[in-house]
PDB file of N, CA and C in Angstrom:
ATOM      1  N   UNK A   1     -19.241 -18.184  14.087  1.00  0.00           N
ATOM      2  CA  UNK A   1     -18.289 -17.440  13.126  1.00  0.00           C
ATOM      3  C   UNK A   1     -16.942 -18.481  13.147  1.00  0.00           C
ATOM      4  N   UNK A   2     -16.578 -18.850  11.993  1.00  0.00           N
ATOM      5  CA  UNK A   2     -15.373 -19.581  11.562  1.00  0.00           C
ATOM      6  C   UNK A   2     -14.212 -19.022  11.765  1.00  0.00           C
ATOM      7  N   UNK A   3     -13.439 -19.502  12.603  1.00  0.00           N
ATOM      8  CA  UNK A   3     -11.919 -19.039  13.052  1.00  0.00           C
ATOM      9  C   UNK A   3     -10.999 -19.352  11.869  1.00  0.00           C
ATOM     10  N   UNK A   4     -10.351 -18.437  11.301  1.00  0.00           N
ATOM     11  CA  UNK A   4      -9.214 -18.715  10.154  1.00  0.00           C
ATOM     12  C   UNK A   4      -7.985 -18.127  10.666  1.00  0.00           C
ATOM     13  N   UNK A   5      -7.017 -19.198  10.713  1.00  0.00           N
ATOM     14  CA  UNK A   5      -5.607 -18.825  11.158  1.00  0.00           C
ATOM     15  C   UNK A   5      -4.568 -19.243  10.032  1.00  0.00           C
ATOM     16  N   UNK A   6      -3.521 -18.510  10.034  1.00  0.00           N
ATOM     17  CA  UNK A   6      -2.398 -19.266   9.240  1.00  0.00           C
ATOM     18  C   UNK A   6      -1.353 -20.096   9.994  1.00  0.00           C
ATOM     19  N   UNK A   7      -1.511 -20.252  11.262  1.00  0.00           N
ATOM     20  CA  UNK A   7      -0.607 -21.025  11.977  1.00  0.00           C
ATOM     21  C   UNK A   7      -1.168 -22.418  12.159  1.00  0.00           C
ATOM     22  N   UNK A   8      -0.368 -23.268  12.707  1.00  0.00           N
ATOM     23  CA  UNK A   8      -0.885 -24.771  12.910  1.00  0.00           C
ATOM     24  C   UNK A   8      -1.853 -24.999  13.905  1.00  0.00           C
ATOM     25  N   UNK A   9      -1.734 -24.114  14.743  1.00  0.00           N
ATOM     26  CA  UNK A   9      -2.623 -24.376  16.003  1.00  0.00           C
ATOM     27  C   UNK A   9      -3.379 -23.113  16.318  1.00  0.00           C
ATOM     28  N   UNK A  10      -4.360 -23.170  17.497  1.00  0.00           N
ATOM     29  CA  UNK A  10      -4.652 -22.104  18.029  1.00  0.00           C
ATOM     30  C   UNK A  10      -4.558 -22.153  19.472  1.00  0.00           C
ATOM     31  N   UNK A  11      -4.000 -21.174  20.165  1.00  0.00           N
ATOM     32  CA  UNK A  11      -3.594 -21.117  21.538  1.00  0.00           C
ATOM     33  C   UNK A  11      -4.870 -21.670  22.430  1.00  0.00           C
ATOM     34  N   UNK A  12      -4.292 -22.500  23.156  1.00  0.00           N
ATOM     35  CA  UNK A  12      -5.315 -22.611  24.197  1.00  0.00           C
ATOM     36  C   UNK A  12      -6.471 -23.789  23.776  1.00  0.00           C
ATOM     37  N   UNK A  13      -6.319 -24.300  22.634  1.00  0.00           N
ATOM     38  CA  UNK A  13      -7.278 -25.185  21.979  1.00  0.00           C
ATOM     39  C   UNK A  13      -6.541 -26.539  21.458  1.00  0.00           C
ATOM     40  N   UNK A  14      -7.066 -27.372  21.965  1.00  0.00           N
ATOM     41  CA  UNK A  14      -6.807 -28.851  21.478  1.00  0.00           C
ATOM     42  C   UNK A  14      -7.548 -29.135  20.069  1.00  0.00           C
ATOM     43  N   UNK A  15      -6.928 -29.553  19.175  1.00  0.00           N
ATOM     44  CA  UNK A  15      -7.676 -29.804  17.905  1.00  0.00           C
ATOM     45  C   UNK A  15      -7.658 -31.074  17.262  1.00  0.00           C
ATOM     46  N   UNK A  16      -8.758 -31.342  16.714  1.00  0.00           N
ATOM     47  CA  UNK A  16      -9.032 -32.732  15.836  1.00  0.00           C
ATOM     48  C   UNK A  16      -9.066 -32.345  14.354  1.00  0.00           C
ATOM     49  N   UNK A  17      -7.981 -32.834  13.702  1.00  0.00           N
ATOM     50  CA  UNK A  17      -7.863 -32.504  12.247  1.00  0.00           C
ATOM     51  C   UNK A  17      -9.068 -33.379  11.552  1.00  0.00           C
ATOM     52  N   UNK A  18      -9.742 -32.519  10.687  1.00  0.00           N
ATOM     53  CA  UNK A  18     -10.776 -33.028   9.778  1.00  0.00           C
ATOM     54  C   UNK A  18     -10.466 -33.182   8.567  1.00  0.00           C
ATOM     55  N   UNK A  19      -9.478 -32.457   7.894  1.00  0.00           N
ATOM     56  CA  UNK A  19      -9.012 -32.922   6.631  1.00  0.00           C
ATOM     57  C   UNK A  19      -8.959 -31.328   5.835  1.00  0.00           C
ATOM     58  N   UNK A  20      -8.586 -31.472   4.731  1.00  0.00           N
ATOM     59  CA  UNK A  20      -8.168 -30.521   3.545  1.00  0.00           C
ATOM     60  C   UNK A  20      -9.695 -29.754   3.260  1.00  0.00           C
ATOM     61  N   UNK A  21      -9.738 -28.475   3.194  1.00  0.00           N
ATOM     62  CA  UNK A  21     -10.725 -27.583   2.755  1.00  0.00           C
ATOM     63  C   UNK A  21     -10.016 -26.720   1.701  1.00  0.00           C
ATOM     64  N   UNK A  22     -10.884 -26.453   0.813  1.00  0.00           N
ATOM     65  CA  UNK A  22     -10.500 -25.192  -0.129  1.00  0.00           C
ATOM     66  C   UNK A  22     -11.700 -24.762  -0.704  1.00  0.00           C
ATOM     67  N   UNK A  23     -11.467 -23.466  -1.535  1.00  0.00           N
ATOM     68  CA  UNK A  23     -12.555 -22.961  -2.189  1.00  0.00           C
ATOM     69  C   UNK A  23     -11.714 -22.021  -3.236  1.00  0.00           C
ATOM     70  N   UNK A  24     -12.098 -21.901  -4.501  1.00  0.00           N
ATOM     71  CA  UNK A  24     -11.666 -21.410  -5.571  1.00  0.00           C
ATOM     72  C   UNK A  24     -12.656 -20.413  -6.407  1.00  0.00           C
ATOM     73  N   UNK A  25     -12.101 -19.732  -7.183  1.00  0.00           N
ATOM     74  CA  UNK A  25     -12.904 -18.920  -8.248  1.00  0.00           C
ATOM     75  C   UNK A  25     -11.964 -18.661  -9.170  1.00  0.00           C
ATOM     76  N   UNK A  26     -12.435 -18.258 -10.322  1.00  0.00           N
ATOM     77  CA  UNK A  26     -12.004 -17.584 -11.521  1.00  0.00           C
ATOM     78  C   UNK A  26     -12.389 -16.166 -11.798  1.00  0.00           C
ATOM     79  N   UNK A  27     -11.669 -15.189 -11.974  1.00  0.00           N
ATOM     80  CA  UNK A  27     -12.333 -13.906 -12.031  1.00  0.00           C
ATOM     81  C   UNK A  27     -11.697 -13.111 -13.235  1.00  0.00           C
ATOM     82  N   UNK A  28     -12.430 -12.340 -13.731  1.00  0.00           N
ATOM     83  CA  UNK A  28     -11.921 -11.641 -14.720  1.00  0.00           C
ATOM     84  C   UNK A  28     -12.150  -9.998 -14.822  1.00  0.00           C
ATOM     85  N   UNK A  29     -11.575  -9.342 -15.470  1.00  0.00           N
ATOM     86  CA  UNK A  29     -11.950  -7.816 -15.566  1.00  0.00           C
ATOM     87  C   UNK A  29     -12.929  -7.658 -16.899  1.00  0.00           C
ATOM     88  N   UNK A  30     -13.566  -6.433 -16.688  1.00  0.00           N
ATOM     89  CA  UNK A  30     -14.155  -5.985 -18.070  1.00  0.00           C
ATOM     90  C   UNK A  30     -13.143  -5.689 -19.118  1.00  0.00           C
ATOM     91  N   UNK A  31     -13.475  -5.846 -20.329  1.00  0.00           N
ATOM     92  CA  UNK A  31     -12.482  -5.858 -21.350  1.00  0.00           C
ATOM     93  C   UNK A  31     -12.020  -4.408 -21.623  1.00  0.00           C
ATOM     94  N   UNK A  32     -12.867  -3.515 -21.620  1.00  0.00           N
ATOM     95  CA  UNK A  32     -12.965  -2.095 -21.805  1.00  0.00           C
ATOM     96  C   UNK A  32     -11.796  -1.824 -20.629  1.00  0.00           C
ATOM     97  N   UNK A  33     -12.093  -2.135 -19.476  1.00  0.00           N
ATOM     98  CA  UNK A  33     -11.047  -1.849 -18.185  1.00  0.00           C
ATOM     99  C   UNK A  33      -9.764  -2.174 -18.351  1.00  0.00           C
ATOM    100  N   UNK A  34      -9.752  -3.648 -19.218  1.00  0.00           N
ATOM    101  CA  UNK A  34      -8.758  -4.073 -19.356  1.00  0.00           C
ATOM    102  C   UNK A  34      -7.556  -3.241 -20.273  1.00  0.00           C
ATOM    103  N   UNK A  35      -8.557  -2.713 -21.367  1.00  0.00           N
ATOM    104  CA  UNK A  35      -7.669  -1.769 -22.268  1.00  0.00           C
ATOM    105  C   UNK A  35      -7.230  -0.665 -21.429  1.00  0.00           C
ATOM    106  N   UNK A  36      -7.833  -0.018 -20.725  1.00  0.00           N
ATOM    107  CA  UNK A  36      -7.417   1.107 -19.662  1.00  0.00           C
ATOM    108  C   UNK A  36      -6.353   0.681 -18.704  1.00  0.00           C
ATOM    109  N   UNK A  37      -6.361  -0.498 -18.478  1.00  0.00           N
ATOM    110  CA  UNK A  37      -5.135  -1.050 -17.468  1.00  0.00           C
ATOM    111  C   UNK A  37      -4.043  -1.128 -18.508  1.00  0.00           C
ATOM    112  N   UNK A  38      -3.882  -1.465 -19.611  1.00  0.00           N
ATOM    113  CA  UNK A  38      -2.903  -1.841 -20.405  1.00  0.00           C
ATOM    114  C   UNK A  38      -2.029  -0.383 -20.754  1.00  0.00           C
ATOM    115  N   UNK A  39      -3.254   0.478 -20.961  1.00  0.00           N
ATOM    116  CA  UNK A  39      -2.629   2.050 -21.113  1.00  0.00           C
ATOM    117  C   UNK A  39      -1.871   2.662 -19.744  1.00  0.00           C
ATOM    118  N   UNK A  40      -2.522   2.013 -18.669  1.00  0.00           N
ATOM    119  CA  UNK A  40      -1.980   2.659 -17.280  1.00  0.00           C
ATOM    120  C   UNK A  40      -0.520   2.046 -17.167  1.00  0.00           C
ATOM    121  N   UNK A  41      -0.259   0.919 -17.905  1.00  0.00           N
ATOM    122  CA  UNK A  41       1.121   0.305 -17.710  1.00  0.00           C
ATOM    123  C   UNK A  41       1.980   1.149 -18.409  1.00  0.00           C
ATOM    124  N   UNK A  42       1.630   2.045 -19.341  1.00  0.00           N
ATOM    125  CA  UNK A  42       2.681   3.007 -19.898  1.00  0.00           C
ATOM    126  C   UNK A  42       3.036   3.871 -18.822  1.00  0.00           C
ATOM    127  N   UNK A  43       2.225   4.428 -18.093  1.00  0.00           N
ATOM    128  CA  UNK A  43       2.645   5.593 -17.460  1.00  0.00           C
ATOM    129  C   UNK A  43       2.741   5.370 -16.014  1.00  0.00           C
ATOM    130  N   UNK A  44       2.692   4.015 -15.542  1.00  0.00           N
ATOM    131  CA  UNK A  44       2.714   3.636 -13.997  1.00  0.00           C
ATOM    132  C   UNK A  44       1.639   3.748 -13.356  1.00  0.00           C
ATOM    133  N   UNK A  45       1.726   3.377 -12.277  1.00  0.00           N
ATOM    134  CA  UNK A  45       0.454   3.669 -11.110  1.00  0.00           C
ATOM    135  C   UNK A  45      -0.145   2.130 -10.731  1.00  0.00           C
ATOM    136  N   UNK A  46      -0.941   2.312 -10.035  1.00  0.00           N
ATOM    137  CA  UNK A  46      -1.648   1.125  -9.265  1.00  0.00           C
ATOM    138  C   UNK A  46      -3.052   0.646 -10.273  1.00  0.00           C
ATOM    139  N   UNK A  47      -2.924  -0.501 -10.513  1.00  0.00           N
ATOM    140  CA  UNK A  47      -4.009  -1.003 -11.260  1.00  0.00           C
ATOM    141  C   UNK A  47      -5.267  -1.218 -10.395  1.00  0.00           C
ATOM    142  N   UNK A  48      -6.117  -0.272  -9.920  1.00  0.00           N
ATOM    143  CA  UNK A  48      -7.160  -0.328  -9.005  1.00  0.00           C
ATOM    144  C   UNK A  48      -8.117  -1.370  -9.413  1.00  0.00           C
ATOM    145  N   UNK A  49      -8.617  -1.736 -10.563  1.00  0.00           N
ATOM    146  CA  UNK A  49      -9.481  -2.601 -10.989  1.00  0.00           C
ATOM    147  C   UNK A  49      -8.909  -4.040 -10.851  1.00  0.00           C
ATOM    148  N   UNK A  50      -7.936  -4.330 -10.959  1.00  0.00           N
ATOM    149  CA  UNK A  50      -7.363  -5.637 -10.932  1.00  0.00           C
ATOM    150  C   UNK A  50      -7.184  -5.736  -9.216  1.00  0.00           C
ATOM    151  N   UNK A  51      -6.812  -4.814  -8.576  1.00  0.00           N
ATOM    152  CA  UNK A  51      -6.954  -5.058  -7.048  1.00  0.00           C
ATOM    153  C   UNK A  51      -8.239  -5.311  -6.635  1.00  0.00           C
ATOM    154  N   UNK A  52      -9.149  -4.506  -7.220  1.00  0.00           N
ATOM    155  CA  UNK A  52     -10.718  -5.039  -6.708  1.00  0.00           C
ATOM    156  C   UNK A  52     -10.976  -6.438  -7.064  1.00  0.00           C
ATOM    157  N   UNK A  53     -10.617  -6.883  -8.355  1.00  0.00           N
ATOM    158  CA  UNK A  53     -11.081  -8.033  -8.919  1.00  0.00           C
ATOM    159  C   UNK A  53     -10.317  -9.360  -7.895  1.00  0.00           C
ATOM    160  N   UNK A  54      -9.099  -8.895  -7.638  1.00  0.00           N
ATOM    161  CA  UNK A  54      -8.238  -9.882  -6.863  1.00  0.00           C
ATOM    162  C   UNK A  54      -9.063 -10.027  -5.496  1.00  0.00           C
ATOM    163  N   UNK A  55      -9.339  -9.022  -4.849  1.00  0.00           N
ATOM    164  CA  UNK A  55      -9.833  -8.847  -3.346  1.00  0.00           C
ATOM    165  C   UNK A  55     -11.045  -9.516  -3.487  1.00  0.00           C
ATOM    166  N   UNK A  56     -12.132  -9.272  -4.380  1.00  0.00           N
ATOM    167  CA  UNK A  56     -13.343 -10.145  -4.663  1.00  0.00           C
ATOM    168  C   UNK A  56     -13.212 -11.681  -4.830  1.00  0.00           C
ATOM    169  N   UNK A  57     -12.111 -12.001  -5.620  1.00  0.00           N
ATOM    170  CA  UNK A  57     -11.643 -13.379  -5.678  1.00  0.00           C
ATOM    171  C   UNK A  57     -11.454 -14.093  -4.235  1.00  0.00           C
ATOM    172  N   UNK A  58     -10.434 -13.288  -3.699  1.00  0.00           N
ATOM    173  CA  UNK A  58     -10.255 -13.827  -2.459  1.00  0.00           C
ATOM    174  C   UNK A  58     -11.402 -14.034  -1.473  1.00  0.00           C
ATOM    175  N   UNK A  59     -12.215 -13.043  -1.445  1.00  0.00           N
ATOM    176  CA  UNK A  59     -13.244 -13.210  -0.395  1.00  0.00           C
ATOM    177  C   UNK A  59     -14.303 -14.434  -1.031  1.00  0.00           C
ATOM    178  N   UNK A  60     -14.562 -14.448  -2.269  1.00  0.00           N
ATOM    179  CA  UNK A  60     -15.517 -15.471  -2.678  1.00  0.00           C
ATOM    180  C   UNK A  60     -14.617 -17.104  -2.571  1.00  0.00           C
ATOM    181  N   UNK A  61     -13.487 -17.035  -2.693  1.00  0.00           N
ATOM    182  CA  UNK A  61     -12.844 -18.242  -2.214  1.00  0.00           C
ATOM    183  C   UNK A  61     -12.739 -18.670  -1.066  1.00  0.00           C
ATOM    184  N   UNK A  62     -12.767 -17.504  -0.129  1.00  0.00           N
ATOM    185  CA  UNK A  62     -12.686 -18.018   1.460  1.00  0.00           C
ATOM    186  C   UNK A  62     -13.946 -18.310   1.670  1.00  0.00           C
ATOM    187  N   UNK A  63     -15.136 -17.502   1.216  1.00  0.00           N
ATOM    188  CA  UNK A  63     -16.447 -18.096   1.406  1.00  0.00           C
ATOM    189  C   UNK A  63     -16.688 -19.503   1.266  1.00  0.00           C
ATOM    190  N   UNK A  64     -16.176 -20.044   0.064  1.00  0.00           N
ATOM    191  CA  UNK A  64     -16.273 -21.433  -0.542  1.00  0.00           C
ATOM    192  C   UNK A  64     -15.446 -22.341   0.571  1.00  0.00           C
ATOM    193  N   UNK A  65     -14.423 -22.012   0.737  1.00  0.00           N
ATOM    194  CA  UNK A  65     -13.657 -22.815   1.712  1.00  0.00           C
ATOM    195  C   UNK A  65     -14.273 -23.046   3.163  1.00  0.00           C
ATOM    196  N   UNK A  66     -14.619 -21.776   3.684  1.00  0.00           N
ATOM    197  CA  UNK A  66     -15.512 -21.858   5.010  1.00  0.00           C
ATOM    198  C   UNK A  66     -16.775 -22.680   4.877  1.00  0.00           C
ATOM    199  N   UNK A  67     -17.684 -22.685   3.712  1.00  0.00           N
ATOM    200  CA  UNK A  67     -18.685 -23.270   3.583  1.00  0.00           C
ATOM    201  C   UNK A  67     -18.339 -24.796   3.576  1.00  0.00           C
ATOM    202  N   UNK A  68     -17.260 -25.285   2.852  1.00  0.00           N
ATOM    203  CA  UNK A  68     -16.795 -26.686   2.989  1.00  0.00           C
ATOM    204  C   UNK A  68     -16.580 -27.054   4.360  1.00  0.00           C
ATOM    205  N   UNK A  69     -15.716 -26.337   5.202  1.00  0.00           N
ATOM    206  CA  UNK A  69     -15.459 -26.435   6.483  1.00  0.00           C
ATOM    207  C   UNK A  69     -16.717 -27.020   7.331  1.00  0.00           C
ATOM    208  N   UNK A  70     -17.641 -25.876   7.155  1.00  0.00           N
ATOM    209  CA  UNK A  70     -19.012 -25.993   7.958  1.00  0.00           C
ATOM    210  C   UNK A  70     -19.548 -27.374   7.835  1.00  0.00           C
ATOM    211  N   UNK A  71     -19.622 -27.577   6.470  1.00  0.00           N
ATOM    212  CA  UNK A  71     -20.239 -28.881   5.906  1.00  0.00           C
ATOM    213  C   UNK A  71     -19.551 -30.169   6.620  1.00  0.00           C
ATOM    214  N   UNK A  72     -18.494 -29.999   7.008  1.00  0.00           N
ATOM    215  CA  UNK A  72     -17.659 -31.124   7.979  1.00  0.00           C
ATOM    216  C   UNK A  72     -17.737 -30.993   9.450  1.00  0.00           C
ATOM    217  N   UNK A  73     -18.398 -29.857   9.846  1.00  0.00           N
ATOM    218  CA  UNK A  73     -18.612 -29.621  11.180  1.00  0.00           C
ATOM    219  C   UNK A  73     -17.503 -28.963  11.954  1.00  0.00           C
ATOM    220  N   UNK A  74     -16.516 -28.287  11.099  1.00  0.00           N
ATOM    221  CA  UNK A  74     -15.415 -27.720  11.837  1.00  0.00           C
ATOM    222  C   UNK A  74     -15.645 -26.593  12.706  1.00  0.00           C
ATOM    223  N   UNK A  75     -14.823 -26.130  13.586  1.00  0.00           N
ATOM    224  CA  UNK A  75     -14.743 -25.116  14.241  1.00  0.00           C
ATOM    225  C   UNK A  75     -13.771 -23.837  13.798  1.00  0.00           C
ATOM    226  N   UNK A  76     -12.901 -24.364  13.128  1.00  0.00           N
ATOM    227  CA  UNK A  76     -11.915 -23.519  12.593  1.00  0.00           C
ATOM    228  C   UNK A  76     -11.079 -23.928  11.372  1.00  0.00           C
ATOM    229  N   UNK A  77     -10.301 -23.208  10.725  1.00  0.00           N
ATOM    230  CA  UNK A  77      -9.593 -23.615   9.795  1.00  0.00           C
ATOM    231  C   UNK A  77      -8.006 -23.084  10.012  1.00  0.00           C
ATOM    232  N   UNK A  78      -7.117 -23.909  10.236  1.00  0.00           N
ATOM    233  CA  UNK A  78      -5.751 -23.647  10.569  1.00  0.00           C
ATOM    234  C   UNK A  78      -5.006 -23.865   9.169  1.00  0.00           C
ATOM    235  N   UNK A  79      -3.755 -23.134   9.174  1.00  0.00           N
ATOM    236  CA  UNK A  79      -2.702 -23.129   8.172  1.00  0.00           C
ATOM    237  C   UNK A  79      -3.485 -22.709   6.689  1.00  0.00           C
ATOM    238  N   UNK A  80      -4.187 -21.655   6.799  1.00  0.00           N
ATOM    239  CA  UNK A  80      -4.775 -20.971   5.785  1.00  0.00           C
ATOM    240  C   UNK A  80      -3.859 -20.340   4.749  1.00  0.00           C
ATOM    241  N   UNK A  81      -4.036 -20.752   3.603  1.00  0.00           N
ATOM    242  CA  UNK A  81      -3.232 -20.228   2.414  1.00  0.00           C
ATOM    243  C   UNK A  81      -3.996 -19.642   1.294  1.00  0.00           C
ATOM    244  N   UNK A  82      -3.418 -18.880   0.592  1.00  0.00           N
ATOM    245  CA  UNK A  82      -3.955 -18.394  -0.563  1.00  0.00           C
ATOM    246  C   UNK A  82      -2.968 -18.829  -1.839  1.00  0.00           C
ATOM    247  N   UNK A  83      -3.459 -18.968  -2.862  1.00  0.00           N
ATOM    248  CA  UNK A  83      -2.458 -19.208  -4.217  1.00  0.00           C
ATOM    249  C   UNK A  83      -3.349 -18.607  -5.282  1.00  0.00           C
ATOM    250  N   UNK A  84      -2.568 -17.747  -6.335  1.00  0.00           N
ATOM    251  CA  UNK A  84      -3.306 -17.323  -7.566  1.00  0.00           C
ATOM    252  C   UNK A  84      -2.511 -17.935  -8.785  1.00  0.00           C
ATOM    253  N   UNK A  85      -3.166 -18.158  -9.872  1.00  0.00           N
ATOM    254  CA  UNK A  85      -2.540 -18.170 -11.027  1.00  0.00           C
ATOM    255  C   UNK A  85      -3.325 -17.833 -12.333  1.00  0.00           C
ATOM    256  N   UNK A  86      -2.421 -17.219 -13.042  1.00  0.00           N
ATOM    257  CA  UNK A  86      -3.260 -16.675 -14.390  1.00  0.00           C
ATOM    258  C   UNK A  86      -3.742 -17.942 -15.237  1.00  0.00           C
ATOM    259  N   UNK A  87      -5.068 -17.741 -15.761  1.00  0.00           N
ATOM    260  CA  UNK A  87      -5.779 -18.610 -16.483  1.00  0.00           C
ATOM    261  C   UNK A  87      -5.746 -18.365 -17.856  1.00  0.00           C
ATOM    262  N   UNK A  88      -5.667 -17.212 -18.245  1.00  0.00           N
ATOM    263  CA  UNK A  88      -5.631 -16.488 -19.392  1.00  0.00           C
ATOM    264  C   UNK A  88      -5.520 -15.215 -19.341  1.00  0.00           C
ATOM    265  N   UNK A  89      -5.206 -14.426 -20.459  1.00  0.00           N
ATOM    266  CA  UNK A  89      -5.089 -12.902 -20.308  1.00  0.00           C
ATOM    267  C   UNK A  89      -6.432 -12.210 -19.594  1.00  0.00           C
ATOM    268  N   UNK A  90      -6.106 -11.585 -18.429  1.00  0.00           N
ATOM    269  CA  UNK A  90      -7.090 -10.970 -17.833  1.00  0.00           C
ATOM    270  C   UNK A  90      -7.873 -11.769 -16.959  1.00  0.00           C
ATOM    271  N   UNK A  91      -7.463 -12.941 -16.588  1.00  0.00           N
ATOM    272  CA  UNK A  91      -8.154 -13.678 -15.808  1.00  0.00           C
ATOM    273  C   UNK A  91      -7.292 -14.456 -14.711  1.00  0.00           C
ATOM    274  N   UNK A  92      -7.837 -14.582 -13.643  1.00  0.00           N
ATOM    275  CA  UNK A  92      -6.917 -15.280 -12.678  1.00  0.00           C
ATOM    276  C   UNK A  92      -7.749 -16.358 -11.740  1.00  0.00           C
ATOM    277  N   UNK A  93      -7.147 -17.282 -11.355  1.00  0.00           N
ATOM    278  CA  UNK A  93      -7.776 -18.320 -10.493  1.00  0.00           C
ATOM    279  C   UNK A  93      -7.110 -17.897  -9.106  1.00  0.00           C
ATOM    280  N   UNK A  94      -8.121 -17.816  -8.021  1.00  0.00           N
ATOM    281  CA  UNK A  94      -7.557 -17.549  -6.698  1.00  0.00           C
ATOM    282  C   UNK A  94      -8.214 -18.851  -6.005  1.00  0.00           C
ATOM    283  N   UNK A  95      -7.172 -19.309  -5.201  1.00  0.00           N
ATOM    284  CA  UNK A  95      -7.752 -20.696  -4.215  1.00  0.00           C
ATOM    285  C   UNK A  95      -7.270 -20.439  -2.986  1.00  0.00           C
ATOM    286  N   UNK A  96      -8.123 -20.549  -2.060  1.00  0.00           N
ATOM    287  CA  UNK A  96      -7.797 -20.635  -0.612  1.00  0.00           C
ATOM    288  C   UNK A  96      -8.134 -21.837  -0.042  1.00  0.00           C
ATOM    289  N   UNK A  97      -7.160 -22.300   0.969  1.00  0.00           N
ATOM    290  CA  UNK A  97      -7.065 -23.743   1.222  1.00  0.00           C
ATOM    291  C   UNK A  97      -6.592 -23.806   2.617  1.00  0.00           C
ATOM    292  N   UNK A  98      -6.931 -24.855   3.333  1.00  0.00           N
ATOM    293  CA  UNK A  98      -6.151 -24.979   4.825  1.00  0.00           C
ATOM    294  C   UNK A  98      -6.863 -26.252   5.277  1.00  0.00           C
ATOM    295  N   UNK A  99      -6.714 -26.545   6.815  1.00  0.00           N
ATOM    296  CA  UNK A  99      -7.170 -27.667   7.387  1.00  0.00           C
ATOM    297  C   UNK A  99      -8.207 -27.507   8.260  1.00  0.00           C
ATOM    298  N   UNK A 100      -9.156 -28.093   8.027  1.00  0.00           N
ATOM    299  CA  UNK A 100     -10.485 -27.995   9.015  1.00  0.00           C
ATOM    300  C   UNK A 100      -9.987 -28.901  10.118  1.00  0.00           C
ATOM    301  N   UNK A 101     -10.719 -28.005  11.455  1.00  0.00           N
ATOM    302  CA  UNK A 101     -10.281 -28.753  12.685  1.00  0.00           C
ATOM    303  C   UNK A 101     -11.671 -28.651  13.344  1.00  0.00           C
ATOM    304  N   UNK A 102     -11.941 -29.291  14.508  1.00  0.00           N
ATOM    305  CA  UNK A 102     -12.751 -29.359  15.459  1.00  0.00           C
ATOM    306  C   UNK A 102     -12.245 -29.126  16.786  1.00  0.00           C
ATOM    307  N   UNK A 103     -12.678 -28.331  17.867  1.00  0.00           N
ATOM    308  CA  UNK A 103     -12.273 -28.206  19.081  1.00  0.00           C
ATOM    309  C   UNK A 103     -12.402 -29.495  19.842  1.00  0.00           C
ATOM    310  N   UNK A 104     -11.629 -30.021  20.729  1.00  0.00           N
ATOM    311  CA  UNK A 104     -11.802 -31.388  21.577  1.00  0.00           C
ATOM    312  C   UNK A 104     -12.411 -30.734  22.904  1.00  0.00           C
TER     313      UNK A 104
END
């Protein structure tokens, strides 16, 4: 199992840096649900379908990043970060990135 951390190092491990790894996806919600979300903004509250979409997007981006690290022979990924950007209305790109490392 790949170790993912947001820190620059892993306690008790000497690391060999292999390089940048990343994974990304662009996700959207169903158009009918988007209309419902638009109405929800009038009354307030959590947009659960958007939360679900973003959680799924983060999971997929993470899996793709891990797969890239595994191809490099990495034991872990340090400095893991996530970013997101709106691509168009109701669609967002999520990117996961970090530094693949091997234990010495």
